[in-house]
C-alpha atoms as a PDB file:
ATOM      1  CA  MET A   1      41.343  33.783  -3.321  1.00  0.00           C
ATOM      2  CA  GLU A   2      40.241  37.410  -3.395  1.00  0.00           C
ATOM      3  CA  LEU A   3      38.469  38.646  -6.527  1.00  0.00           C
ATOM      4  CA  GLN A   4      41.307  40.980  -7.525  1.00  0.00           C
ATOM      5  CA  ASP A   5      43.842  38.153  -7.102  1.00  0.00           C
ATOM      6  CA  LEU A   6      41.650  35.898  -9.232  1.00  0.00           C
ATOM      7  CA  ILE A   7      41.364  38.532 -11.957  1.00  0.00           C
ATOM      8  CA  ARG A   8      45.108  39.130 -11.914  1.00  0.00           C
ATOM      9  CA  ARG A   9      45.834  35.375 -12.165  1.00  0.00           C
ATOM     10  CA  VAL A  10      43.350  34.791 -15.009  1.00  0.00           C
ATOM     11  CA  ILE A  11      44.753  37.778 -16.931  1.00  0.00           C
ATOM     12  CA  GLU A  12      48.296  36.425 -16.455  1.00  0.00           C
ATOM     13  CA  ILE A  13      47.212  33.085 -17.929  1.00  0.00           C
ATOM     14  CA  GLY A  14      45.408  34.838 -20.764  1.00  0.00           C
ATOM     15  CA  HIS A  15      48.398  36.996 -21.675  1.00  0.00           C
ATOM     16  CA  ARG A  16      50.746  34.026 -21.612  1.00  0.00           C
ATOM     17  CA  ARG A  17      48.543  31.789 -23.784  1.00  0.00           C
ATOM     18  CA  GLY A  18      46.637  34.410 -25.734  1.00  0.00           C
ATOM     19  CA  PHE A  19      43.320  33.141 -24.342  1.00  0.00           C
ATOM     20  CA  VAL A  20      41.821  31.546 -21.260  1.00  0.00           C
ATOM     21  CA  THR A  21      39.386  28.635 -21.073  1.00  0.00           C
ATOM     22  CA  PHE A  22      36.194  28.368 -19.058  1.00  0.00           C
ATOM     23  CA  ASP A  23      37.737  25.313 -17.353  1.00  0.00           C
ATOM     24  CA  GLN A  24      40.739  27.369 -16.216  1.00  0.00           C
ATOM     25  CA  ILE A  25      38.450  30.033 -14.804  1.00  0.00           C
ATOM     26  CA  ASN A  26      36.315  27.426 -13.047  1.00  0.00           C
ATOM     27  CA  GLU A  27      39.394  25.802 -11.504  1.00  0.00           C
ATOM     28  CA  LEU A  28      40.528  29.112 -10.024  1.00  0.00           C
ATOM     29  CA  MET A  29      37.137  30.494  -9.017  1.00  0.00           C
ATOM     30  CA  PRO A  30      35.717  29.329  -5.694  1.00  0.00           C
ATOM     31  CA  SER A  31      32.317  27.818  -6.431  1.00  0.00           C
ATOM     32  CA  THR A  32      30.830  28.399  -2.969  1.00  0.00           C
ATOM     33  CA  LYS A  33      31.221  32.172  -2.748  1.00  0.00           C
ATOM     34  CA  THR A  34      30.975  33.369  -6.320  1.00  0.00           C
ATOM     35  CA  ALA A  35      28.443  36.142  -6.740  1.00  0.00           C
ATOM     36  CA  PRO A  36      27.076  37.005 -10.188  1.00  0.00           C
ATOM     37  CA  GLU A  37      28.623  40.458  -9.797  1.00  0.00           C
ATOM     38  CA  ASP A  38      32.064  38.868  -9.340  1.00  0.00           C
ATOM     39  CA  ILE A  39      31.683  36.883 -12.553  1.00  0.00           C
ATOM     40  CA  GLU A  40      30.595  40.018 -14.397  1.00  0.00           C
ATOM     41  CA  THR A  41      33.595  41.933 -13.026  1.00  0.00           C
ATOM     42  CA  LEU A  42      35.941  39.154 -14.167  1.00  0.00           C
ATOM     43  CA  MET A  43      34.421  39.083 -17.655  1.00  0.00           C
ATOM     44  CA  GLU A  44      34.711  42.868 -17.952  1.00  0.00           C
ATOM     45  CA  ALA A  45      38.367  42.737 -16.880  1.00  0.00           C
ATOM     46  CA  LEU A  46      39.121  40.051 -19.459  1.00  0.00           C
ATOM     47  CA  SER A  47      37.371  42.062 -22.145  1.00  0.00           C
ATOM     48  CA  ALA A  48      39.311  45.200 -21.211  1.00  0.00           C
ATOM     49  CA  ALA A  49      42.546  43.201 -21.392  1.00  0.00           C
ATOM     50  CA  GLU A  50      41.435  41.865 -24.801  1.00  0.00           C
ATOM     51  CA  ILE A  51      41.655  38.248 -23.636  1.00  0.00           C
ATOM     52  CA  GLN A  52      39.331  35.782 -25.298  1.00  0.00           C
ATOM     53  CA  ILE A  53      37.556  33.014 -23.409  1.00  0.00           C
ATOM     54  CA  THR A  54      37.292  29.673 -25.184  1.00  0.00           C
ATOM     55  CA  ASP A  55      35.726  26.276 -24.543  1.00  0.00           C
ATOM     56  CA  GLU A  56      38.940  24.363 -25.268  1.00  0.00           C
END
């Protein structure tokens, strides 16, 4: 999954539920090719969309 597709999908989940969990992000994010910059970009996008990340 491309980074922009991942961001779009996580934001969709966040808008629908009001938050997104770390587990949901981990399930969608490919573990083998994830650069720290990609994680930072995702976190910034979630912050801009005012979506909280929770442990539950």
